[in-house]
Amino acid sequence: MSKKSDLLVRVRYLNPVPNPPFPPKLLNISTDINRLGEPSYLNHLAASTQLPMLVDSEMGMPLDMNAYDGIWDGQDQSLNPTLDAGRIHHPIDVQLLAPFNPPPELNGEAKPVVTTEVSWMRNNNYLTRKNNARRKEAAEAKAEEVIDASEAAQIIAIERTFHDLHDQDPKDIRHPDKKKKGLRVVESYDILPDIDTWSNTYALVRFPERPSAATAINPAATASSPRLSKAILRPIREDEDQQMIEFYLPKEEDLSSLDEAYEKAVSPDEVENIYNVSAEDPNDPALTEIFPHVQYDRIRMYEVLSTAPTTKEILLSFQEGDQEEDQEDIDERPKKKRKGVYYHGIDFKTLLRKTRAKRRDEVAESADLWDKAVVGYRQPGEDENDTRNQARGKVADPTWANAELRRLRGGDNMAELQGEAIQDEDVELDEEAQKIEAAVHEEDVDDD
């Protein structure tokens, strides 16, 4: 009820009884407190209570053991008399009177009784898997193999896998799954590192939906796959709170111009002049002559939800067809890659989500936003070439692994110190590896 509808009524009840005509008086009754500690005052209560059955004075349980002979000497035959052998028992009681069978002895020692704790709602499949796992662990414990975990042994084992795989016929390979034993190898590929792109950095970007050219003004706009492959992601804000990324796309008719700009990449010495001309007048026609470029339009903005290093993701590219056989000069650079699967590591992965228009206005107050971007190409400098060659040397130079081991071991080959000499220089390379190695050395000579 609300306060307005509450009704409070105060009523005083009168007490017409007059006060006592005399003050209270305490009576002193003499009693012996010791009688409360003796049960004799309950004798009349016990005598007046009728027992429901006839028992002796000790209520059926003997309390005085002195009446039995030998009770304190361990001779309790009088207390527990031997049953009469001629007595006939009921068949149900005979099973309960069966003697106790102690566990058998094994090699002079008592064998413990094995008890299996099984719940009343047990799962047969679970118990079967558990027993199989125990048998497997027991078998592995019996057949313990001594494995050499040294670095030299690992290198030798890895090198041996290449020889074993080369000698194996692909037709003899069977699928490891028993249910797929009927599958056969149709074609095999060599798994090789992608030397040409090994110095590049790759990221795995996951969009909330398929990227397109749709904007707030033109939500029905689409983009072809060649156009999406030329997209640019530009980070515009990076702080402790949130990182923002803008998504740019070229126009469909400028894709061919973008390829021409790649072929006409400017030298590093001309970059400063291009900046000066662009600062004076971005629409100067002379800028197109000295710097071939294409304009990119901003499509939308994304927020970065998470960024983490990759653990299992790698980049794979399949190369079909073999290298041209009419190429007799080994020192000549191969025109195309050999047949195989080329892999490259992915450095990190990023998850994006869309942003609201109000959010972009908030970011515009503290960040430098571009509605358009001018994109062109320049040739790498000497420092950049050295960095790229150093990164490519990890997979292109056959002597890099041995040199790295010597560097880590203070100038000595780790494998030689452990008695297993591994000389990469003495390993005979196949024809394809020789051509790739010759191409790498040719690039080093051109750079010098």
Protein backbone atom coordinates (compact mmCIF):
# COMPACT_ATOMS: atom_id res chain seq x y z
CA MET A 1 0.00 0.00 0.00
CA SER A 2 1.10 3.54 -0.63
CA LYS A 3 1.73 6.04 2.11
CA LYS A 4 -1.42 7.99 1.27
CA SER A 5 -3.69 4.98 1.90
CA ASP A 6 -2.00 3.84 5.14
CA LEU A 7 -4.22 4.06 8.24
CA LEU A 8 -2.59 4.03 11.65
CA VAL A 9 -4.80 3.67 14.73
CA ARG A 10 -3.24 3.88 18.17
CA VAL A 11 -5.22 2.11 20.91
CA ARG A 12 -4.24 2.01 24.57
CA TYR A 13 -5.43 -1.05 26.48
CA LEU A 14 -6.14 -0.45 30.15
CA ASN A 15 -5.22 -2.91 32.93
CA PRO A 16 -7.84 -2.56 35.74
CA VAL A 17 -6.20 -5.23 37.97
CA PRO A 18 -5.00 -3.54 41.16
CA ASN A 19 -1.50 -4.00 42.53
CA PRO A 20 -0.92 -6.78 45.13
CA PRO A 21 -1.73 -5.65 48.68
CA PHE A 22 1.59 -7.07 49.99
CA PRO A 23 5.14 -7.31 48.68
CA PRO A 24 6.45 -10.61 47.22
CA LYS A 25 7.85 -13.13 49.74
CA LEU A 26 10.60 -15.76 49.18
CA LEU A 27 10.17 -19.17 50.83
CA ASN A 28 13.22 -21.14 52.02
CA ILE A 29 12.68 -24.91 51.41
CA SER A 30 15.38 -27.14 52.88
CA THR A 31 16.57 -29.91 50.48
CA ASP A 32 19.67 -32.11 50.11
CA ILE A 33 21.42 -31.51 46.79
CA ASN A 34 23.30 -34.82 47.07
CA ARG A 35 20.16 -36.81 46.48
CA LEU A 36 20.11 -35.61 42.90
CA GLY A 37 23.37 -37.53 42.24
CA GLU A 38 21.96 -40.89 43.28
CA PRO A 39 19.51 -42.94 41.19
CA SER A 40 17.64 -44.18 44.25
CA TYR A 41 14.97 -41.53 43.89
CA LEU A 42 14.05 -43.17 40.54
CA ASN A 43 13.48 -46.63 42.04
CA HIS A 44 9.79 -46.07 42.36
CA LEU A 45 9.64 -44.99 38.73
CA ALA A 46 11.51 -48.14 37.58
CA ALA A 47 9.33 -50.36 39.71
CA SER A 48 6.16 -48.87 38.29
CA THR A 49 7.35 -49.33 34.65
CA GLN A 50 6.48 -52.69 33.15
CA LEU A 51 9.13 -54.24 30.83
CA PRO A 52 7.82 -55.46 27.46
CA MET A 53 9.94 -58.66 27.63
CA LEU A 54 11.47 -60.98 30.20
CA VAL A 55 15.21 -60.30 30.62
CA ASP A 56 17.73 -60.79 33.32
CA SER A 57 19.01 -58.18 35.67
CA GLU A 58 21.77 -57.16 33.18
CA MET A 59 19.31 -56.58 30.36
CA GLY A 60 20.70 -59.43 28.26
CA MET A 61 24.28 -58.13 28.14
CA PRO A 62 26.76 -59.58 30.66
CA LEU A 63 28.74 -56.84 32.28
CA ASP A 64 30.66 -58.85 34.83
CA MET A 65 33.28 -60.86 32.94
CA ASN A 66 34.72 -62.42 36.04
CA ALA A 67 32.03 -65.09 35.91
CA TYR A 68 33.75 -66.65 32.87
CA ASP A 69 36.89 -68.75 33.34
CA GLY A 70 40.02 -67.69 31.49
CA ILE A 71 38.50 -64.53 30.09
CA TRP A 72 41.54 -62.44 31.09
CA ASP A 73 44.01 -65.03 29.77
CA GLY A 74 42.72 -65.04 26.22
CA GLN A 75 40.72 -68.23 26.71
CA ASP A 76 37.24 -67.21 25.70
CA GLN A 77 35.81 -70.66 25.01
CA SER A 78 33.41 -70.26 27.88
CA LEU A 79 32.19 -66.94 26.53
CA ASN A 80 32.06 -68.19 22.90
CA PRO A 81 31.25 -71.88 23.09
CA THR A 82 32.00 -74.12 20.11
CA LEU A 83 28.99 -74.93 18.03
CA ASP A 84 27.73 -78.45 18.00
CA ALA A 85 28.99 -80.22 14.90
CA GLY A 86 25.85 -82.31 14.71
CA ARG A 87 23.55 -79.32 14.57
CA ILE A 88 21.60 -78.99 11.35
CA HIS A 89 21.58 -75.47 9.86
CA HIS A 90 19.28 -73.95 7.35
CA PRO A 91 20.70 -73.94 3.77
CA ILE A 92 20.61 -70.14 3.68
CA ASP A 93 22.66 -69.91 6.88
CA VAL A 94 25.27 -72.40 5.64
CA GLN A 95 26.54 -69.85 3.07
CA LEU A 96 27.00 -67.28 5.79
CA LEU A 97 28.96 -69.72 7.96
CA ALA A 98 31.52 -70.49 5.20
CA PRO A 99 35.12 -70.30 6.44
CA PHE A 100 37.34 -67.37 5.43
CA ASN A 101 39.80 -68.17 2.62
CA PRO A 102 43.02 -66.16 2.94
CA PRO A 103 44.66 -64.91 -0.30
CA PRO A 104 47.21 -67.28 -1.87
CA GLU A 105 50.90 -66.72 -1.40
CA LEU A 106 53.20 -65.89 -4.32
CA ASN A 107 56.96 -66.43 -3.83
CA GLY A 108 56.52 -66.55 -0.12
CA GLU A 109 54.63 -63.26 0.02
CA ALA A 110 50.93 -62.80 0.45
CA LYS A 111 49.28 -61.68 -2.78
CA PRO A 112 47.04 -58.67 -2.15
CA VAL A 113 43.41 -58.94 -3.04
CA VAL A 114 42.65 -56.87 -6.13
CA THR A 115 39.47 -54.88 -5.77
CA THR A 116 38.03 -52.94 -8.65
CA GLU A 117 35.92 -49.95 -7.74
CA VAL A 118 33.18 -49.73 -10.31
CA SER A 119 30.27 -47.39 -9.99
CA TRP A 120 26.82 -48.89 -10.34
CA MET A 121 26.18 -46.60 -13.35
CA ARG A 122 29.36 -47.56 -15.13
CA ASN A 123 30.09 -46.96 -18.81
CA ASN A 124 31.44 -50.06 -20.54
CA ASN A 125 33.07 -48.03 -23.30
CA TYR A 126 34.82 -45.83 -20.76
CA LEU A 127 36.12 -48.84 -18.83
CA THR A 128 37.34 -50.46 -22.03
CA ARG A 129 39.23 -47.34 -23.10
CA LYS A 130 40.69 -47.01 -19.63
CA ASN A 131 41.90 -50.62 -19.60
CA ASN A 132 43.36 -50.27 -23.10
CA ALA A 133 45.21 -47.13 -22.04
CA ARG A 134 46.65 -48.96 -19.04
CA ARG A 135 47.79 -51.86 -21.21
CA LYS A 136 49.41 -49.44 -23.64
CA GLU A 137 51.24 -47.62 -20.86
CA ALA A 138 52.45 -50.91 -19.43
CA ALA A 139 53.72 -52.04 -22.84
CA GLU A 140 55.52 -48.74 -23.39
CA ALA A 141 57.10 -48.94 -19.95
CA LYS A 142 58.48 -52.41 -20.73
CA ALA A 143 59.84 -51.46 -24.14
CA GLU A 144 61.73 -48.32 -23.22
CA GLU A 145 64.06 -47.23 -25.98
CA VAL A 146 67.11 -45.08 -25.45
CA ILE A 147 66.71 -42.07 -27.76
CA ASP A 148 69.62 -39.78 -28.48
CA ALA A 149 68.20 -36.27 -28.00
CA SER A 150 71.42 -34.42 -28.83
CA GLU A 151 71.39 -31.75 -31.53
CA ALA A 152 73.80 -33.76 -33.68
CA ALA A 153 71.54 -36.82 -33.58
CA GLN A 154 68.53 -34.72 -34.49
CA ILE A 155 70.30 -33.25 -37.51
CA ILE A 156 71.37 -36.71 -38.68
CA ALA A 157 67.81 -38.04 -38.24
CA ILE A 158 66.39 -35.16 -40.27
CA GLU A 159 68.90 -35.68 -43.07
CA ARG A 160 68.10 -39.40 -43.12
CA THR A 161 64.39 -38.71 -43.72
CA PHE A 162 65.22 -37.00 -47.03
CA HIS A 163 67.16 -40.03 -48.26
CA ASP A 164 64.46 -42.46 -47.11
CA LEU A 165 61.74 -40.46 -48.82
CA HIS A 166 63.73 -40.18 -52.05
CA ASP A 167 64.23 -43.95 -52.19
CA GLN A 168 60.56 -44.72 -51.45
CA ASP A 169 58.14 -45.39 -54.29
CA PRO A 170 55.02 -43.17 -53.95
CA LYS A 171 52.86 -46.11 -55.04
CA ASP A 172 53.86 -48.00 -51.89
CA ILE A 173 52.64 -45.24 -49.55
CA ARG A 174 49.46 -46.12 -47.64
CA HIS A 175 47.12 -43.86 -45.72
CA PRO A 176 47.75 -44.03 -41.94
CA ASP A 177 44.02 -44.31 -41.23
CA LYS A 178 42.87 -47.94 -41.37
CA LYS A 179 39.50 -46.89 -42.76
CA LYS A 180 41.20 -45.22 -45.75
CA LYS A 181 43.65 -47.93 -46.76
CA GLY A 182 42.20 -47.96 -50.26
CA LEU A 183 43.50 -44.47 -51.01
CA ARG A 184 46.61 -44.19 -53.17
CA VAL A 185 49.04 -41.40 -53.93
CA VAL A 186 48.10 -39.70 -57.20
CA GLU A 187 50.80 -37.04 -57.32
CA SER A 188 53.63 -35.93 -55.04
CA TYR A 189 55.17 -32.50 -54.49
CA ASP A 190 58.41 -31.36 -52.91
CA ILE A 191 57.81 -29.05 -49.94
CA LEU A 192 60.25 -26.15 -50.25
CA PRO A 193 60.65 -22.71 -48.66
CA ASP A 194 59.58 -19.79 -50.83
CA ILE A 195 62.95 -18.09 -51.32
CA ASP A 196 61.58 -15.18 -53.37
CA THR A 197 59.17 -14.04 -50.64
CA TRP A 198 61.00 -15.28 -47.55
CA SER A 199 62.05 -11.75 -46.53
CA ASN A 200 58.45 -10.47 -46.67
CA THR A 201 56.17 -10.19 -43.64
CA TYR A 202 52.71 -11.73 -43.89
CA ALA A 203 49.66 -11.29 -41.66
CA LEU A 204 46.39 -13.21 -41.52
CA VAL A 205 43.54 -10.66 -41.42
CA ARG A 206 40.00 -11.85 -40.72
CA PHE A 207 37.18 -9.51 -41.74
CA PRO A 208 33.68 -9.59 -40.23
CA GLU A 209 32.34 -10.19 -43.76
CA ARG A 210 33.66 -10.46 -47.31
CA PRO A 211 35.43 -7.16 -48.17
CA SER A 212 33.82 -5.11 -50.92
CA ALA A 213 33.60 -1.56 -52.26
CA ALA A 214 30.31 -0.88 -50.46
CA THR A 215 30.17 2.47 -48.67
CA ALA A 216 27.53 4.45 -46.81
CA ILE A 217 26.79 6.44 -49.98
CA ASN A 218 26.83 3.43 -52.32
CA PRO A 219 26.02 0.30 -50.29
CA ALA A 220 25.48 -1.84 -53.42
CA ALA A 221 28.99 -1.34 -54.82
CA THR A 222 31.01 -4.50 -55.51
CA ALA A 223 34.66 -5.23 -56.19
CA SER A 224 36.32 -7.89 -58.33
CA SER A 225 38.98 -10.24 -57.00
CA PRO A 226 41.86 -8.47 -58.87
CA ARG A 227 40.73 -5.21 -57.31
CA LEU A 228 40.53 -6.70 -53.80
CA SER A 229 44.02 -8.17 -54.21
CA LYS A 230 45.37 -4.60 -54.54
CA ALA A 231 43.69 -3.36 -51.33
CA ILE A 232 45.63 -1.44 -48.70
CA LEU A 233 45.14 -1.55 -44.92
CA ARG A 234 46.41 1.61 -43.21
CA PRO A 235 46.69 1.78 -39.41
CA ILE A 236 45.65 5.25 -38.32
CA ARG A 237 45.57 4.99 -34.56
CA GLU A 238 47.46 2.81 -32.15
CA ASP A 239 47.30 3.32 -28.42
CA GLU A 240 46.47 1.45 -25.26
CA ASP A 241 42.71 1.71 -25.84
CA GLN A 242 42.01 0.78 -29.45
CA GLN A 243 43.74 0.40 -32.80
CA MET A 244 41.90 1.49 -35.95
CA ILE A 245 42.55 0.46 -39.58
CA GLU A 246 41.23 2.05 -42.77
CA PHE A 247 40.49 0.03 -45.91
CA TYR A 248 41.46 1.51 -49.32
CA LEU A 249 40.73 0.24 -52.85
CA PRO A 250 41.76 1.43 -56.32
CA LYS A 251 39.26 2.00 -59.09
CA GLU A 252 38.49 -0.84 -61.45
CA GLU A 253 39.79 1.05 -64.49
CA ASP A 254 43.12 1.87 -62.76
CA LEU A 255 44.26 -1.73 -62.25
CA SER A 256 46.25 -1.75 -65.51
CA SER A 257 47.84 1.60 -64.60
CA LEU A 258 48.86 0.14 -61.25
CA ASP A 259 50.72 -2.68 -63.02
CA GLU A 260 52.48 -0.15 -65.25
CA ALA A 261 53.48 1.89 -62.19
CA TYR A 262 55.05 -1.26 -60.73
CA GLU A 263 57.16 -1.73 -63.88
CA LYS A 264 58.22 1.95 -63.75
CA ALA A 265 59.30 2.03 -60.11
CA VAL A 266 61.34 5.15 -59.32
CA SER A 267 64.80 5.09 -57.79
CA PRO A 268 65.34 6.03 -54.13
CA ASP A 269 67.17 9.22 -55.19
CA GLU A 270 64.01 10.64 -56.79
CA VAL A 271 61.80 10.23 -53.71
CA GLU A 272 62.74 13.57 -52.17
CA ASN A 273 61.95 15.45 -55.38
CA ILE A 274 58.56 13.70 -55.60
CA TYR A 275 57.71 14.79 -52.05
CA ASN A 276 58.60 18.40 -52.85
CA VAL A 277 56.44 18.50 -55.98
CA SER A 278 53.52 16.86 -54.18
CA ALA A 279 53.75 19.33 -51.28
CA GLU A 280 53.55 22.34 -53.61
CA ASP A 281 50.62 21.07 -55.72
CA PRO A 282 49.19 17.53 -55.40
CA ASN A 283 47.34 17.97 -58.73
CA ASP A 284 50.45 19.05 -60.70
CA PRO A 285 50.57 17.16 -64.05
CA ALA A 286 54.36 16.92 -63.71
CA LEU A 287 53.86 14.60 -60.73
CA THR A 288 52.45 11.91 -63.01
CA GLU A 289 55.47 12.12 -65.32
CA ILE A 290 58.10 11.78 -62.60
CA PHE A 291 56.09 9.40 -60.41
CA PRO A 292 53.62 6.95 -62.02
CA HIS A 293 50.86 6.41 -59.48
CA VAL A 294 47.21 5.50 -58.93
CA GLN A 295 44.69 7.04 -56.55
CA TYR A 296 43.05 4.90 -53.89
CA ASP A 297 39.66 5.68 -52.31
CA ARG A 298 38.87 5.10 -48.66
CA ILE A 299 36.08 2.53 -48.32
CA ARG A 300 35.52 2.08 -44.60
CA MET A 301 37.14 1.87 -41.17
CA TYR A 302 37.66 -1.22 -39.01
CA GLU A 303 38.48 -1.76 -35.36
CA VAL A 304 41.10 -4.30 -34.33
CA LEU A 305 39.61 -6.77 -31.88
CA SER A 306 42.70 -8.89 -31.26
CA THR A 307 46.22 -9.41 -32.53
CA ALA A 308 48.22 -12.52 -31.67
CA PRO A 309 51.13 -14.51 -33.12
CA THR A 310 50.23 -17.54 -35.19
CA THR A 311 50.86 -21.09 -34.01
CA LYS A 312 49.74 -23.42 -36.81
CA GLU A 313 48.92 -21.18 -39.78
CA ILE A 314 51.31 -21.15 -42.76
CA LEU A 315 51.07 -19.85 -46.32
CA LEU A 316 51.24 -22.48 -49.10
CA SER A 317 51.51 -21.94 -52.86
CA PHE A 318 51.43 -24.75 -55.43
CA GLN A 319 53.71 -24.59 -58.45
CA GLU A 320 52.61 -26.87 -61.28
CA GLY A 321 54.96 -27.99 -64.06
CA ASP A 322 58.68 -28.60 -64.10
CA GLN A 323 61.56 -26.34 -64.95
CA GLU A 324 62.48 -26.07 -68.64
CA GLU A 325 64.79 -28.92 -69.64
CA ASP A 326 66.48 -27.15 -72.57
CA GLN A 327 68.38 -24.96 -70.11
CA GLU A 328 71.91 -26.34 -70.20
CA ASP A 329 73.77 -23.55 -68.43
CA ILE A 330 73.56 -24.15 -64.67
CA ASP A 331 74.67 -20.60 -63.85
CA GLU A 332 71.75 -19.15 -65.79
CA ARG A 333 68.89 -17.95 -63.59
CA PRO A 334 65.85 -20.28 -63.84
CA LYS A 335 62.91 -18.74 -65.65
CA LYS A 336 60.34 -20.26 -63.30
CA LYS A 337 60.19 -22.27 -60.11
CA ARG A 338 60.48 -26.00 -59.99
CA LYS A 339 57.41 -28.09 -59.36
CA GLY A 340 56.51 -28.23 -55.67
CA VAL A 341 54.67 -26.71 -52.73
CA TYR A 342 56.28 -23.53 -51.41
CA TYR A 343 55.62 -22.49 -47.82
CA HIS A 344 56.06 -19.26 -45.91
CA GLY A 345 55.41 -18.47 -42.27
CA ILE A 346 52.69 -16.05 -41.15
CA ASP A 347 53.93 -13.63 -38.49
CA PHE A 348 50.66 -12.68 -36.78
CA LYS A 349 46.88 -12.80 -37.17
CA THR A 350 44.38 -10.00 -36.66
CA LEU A 351 40.60 -9.98 -36.17
CA LEU A 352 38.64 -6.92 -37.37
CA ARG A 353 35.11 -5.61 -36.88
CA LYS A 354 33.09 -2.77 -38.36
CA THR A 355 32.90 0.71 -36.84
CA ARG A 356 30.03 3.15 -36.66
CA ALA A 357 30.06 6.53 -38.39
CA LYS A 358 30.06 8.29 -35.02
CA ARG A 359 33.11 6.32 -34.02
CA ARG A 360 34.99 7.55 -37.09
CA ASP A 361 34.14 11.17 -36.20
CA GLU A 362 35.58 10.60 -32.74
CA VAL A 363 38.79 9.19 -34.19
CA ALA A 364 39.05 12.10 -36.66
CA GLU A 365 39.59 14.49 -33.78
CA SER A 366 42.90 12.88 -32.79
CA ALA A 367 44.05 11.02 -35.94
CA ASP A 368 45.13 11.97 -39.47
CA LEU A 369 42.45 10.59 -41.81
CA TRP A 370 42.79 10.37 -45.59
CA ASP A 371 39.87 10.24 -47.98
CA LYS A 372 42.23 9.44 -50.87
CA ALA A 373 45.76 8.06 -51.15
CA VAL A 374 48.33 8.27 -53.96
CA VAL A 375 50.10 4.92 -54.38
CA GLY A 376 53.23 4.29 -56.45
CA TYR A 377 56.36 2.16 -56.29
CA ARG A 378 60.04 2.79 -55.67
CA GLN A 379 63.04 0.52 -55.90
CA PRO A 380 64.55 -0.76 -52.64
CA GLY A 381 67.69 0.83 -51.26
CA GLU A 382 71.01 -0.83 -50.51
CA ASP A 383 70.20 -1.29 -46.82
CA GLU A 384 66.87 -2.89 -47.69
CA ASN A 385 68.53 -5.23 -50.19
CA ASP A 386 71.08 -6.31 -47.60
CA THR A 387 68.30 -7.02 -45.09
CA ARG A 388 66.33 -9.03 -47.63
CA ASN A 389 69.38 -11.04 -48.73
CA GLN A 390 70.25 -11.77 -45.11
CA ALA A 391 66.72 -13.07 -44.47
CA ARG A 392 66.74 -15.13 -47.68
CA GLY A 393 70.10 -16.65 -46.76
CA LYS A 394 68.45 -18.70 -44.02
CA VAL A 395 66.80 -20.87 -46.68
CA ALA A 396 68.82 -20.11 -49.84
CA ASP A 397 72.38 -20.55 -48.56
CA PRO A 398 73.24 -24.24 -47.99
CA THR A 399 76.04 -23.29 -45.58
CA TRP A 400 73.90 -21.03 -43.38
CA ALA A 401 72.85 -23.76 -40.91
CA ASN A 402 76.42 -24.96 -40.40
CA ALA A 403 77.68 -21.39 -39.96
CA GLU A 404 74.90 -20.65 -37.48
CA LEU A 405 75.83 -23.72 -35.43
CA ARG A 406 79.47 -22.62 -35.38
CA ARG A 407 78.41 -19.15 -34.25
CA LEU A 408 76.29 -20.54 -31.42
CA ARG A 409 79.08 -22.91 -30.33
CA GLY A 410 81.78 -20.28 -30.31
CA GLY A 411 83.38 -21.09 -33.66
CA ASP A 412 83.15 -24.89 -33.60
CA ASN A 413 80.69 -27.15 -35.32
CA MET A 414 78.40 -28.61 -32.70
CA ALA A 415 78.12 -31.93 -34.54
CA GLU A 416 81.88 -32.38 -34.69
CA LEU A 417 82.17 -31.86 -30.93
CA GLN A 418 79.78 -34.78 -30.36
CA GLY A 419 81.60 -37.15 -32.68
CA GLU A 420 79.17 -36.90 -35.60
CA ALA A 421 80.66 -34.61 -38.25
CA ILE A 422 78.13 -33.00 -40.53
CA GLN A 423 79.64 -31.02 -43.37
CA ASP A 424 77.07 -29.27 -45.49
CA GLU A 425 79.74 -28.46 -48.07
CA ASP A 426 80.32 -32.17 -48.77
CA VAL A 427 76.66 -32.98 -49.40
CA GLU A 428 76.00 -33.52 -53.09
CA LEU A 429 73.12 -31.36 -54.28
CA ASP A 430 70.65 -32.45 -56.92
CA GLU A 431 70.32 -30.66 -60.24
CA GLU A 432 67.44 -28.40 -59.19
CA ALA A 433 69.17 -27.34 -55.97
CA GLN A 434 72.34 -26.52 -57.93
CA LYS A 435 70.39 -24.21 -60.24
CA ILE A 436 68.78 -22.40 -57.32
CA GLU A 437 72.12 -22.03 -55.54
CA ALA A 438 73.71 -20.69 -58.74
CA ALA A 439 70.88 -18.15 -59.08
CA VAL A 440 71.44 -16.92 -55.52
CA HIS A 441 75.18 -16.50 -56.09
CA GLU A 442 74.43 -14.64 -59.33
CA GLU A 443 72.29 -12.14 -57.43
CA ASP A 444 75.08 -11.65 -54.88
CA VAL A 445 77.53 -10.89 -57.69
CA ASP A 446 75.11 -8.38 -59.28
CA ASP A 447 74.68 -6.59 -55.95
CA ASP A 448 78.46 -6.28 -55.55
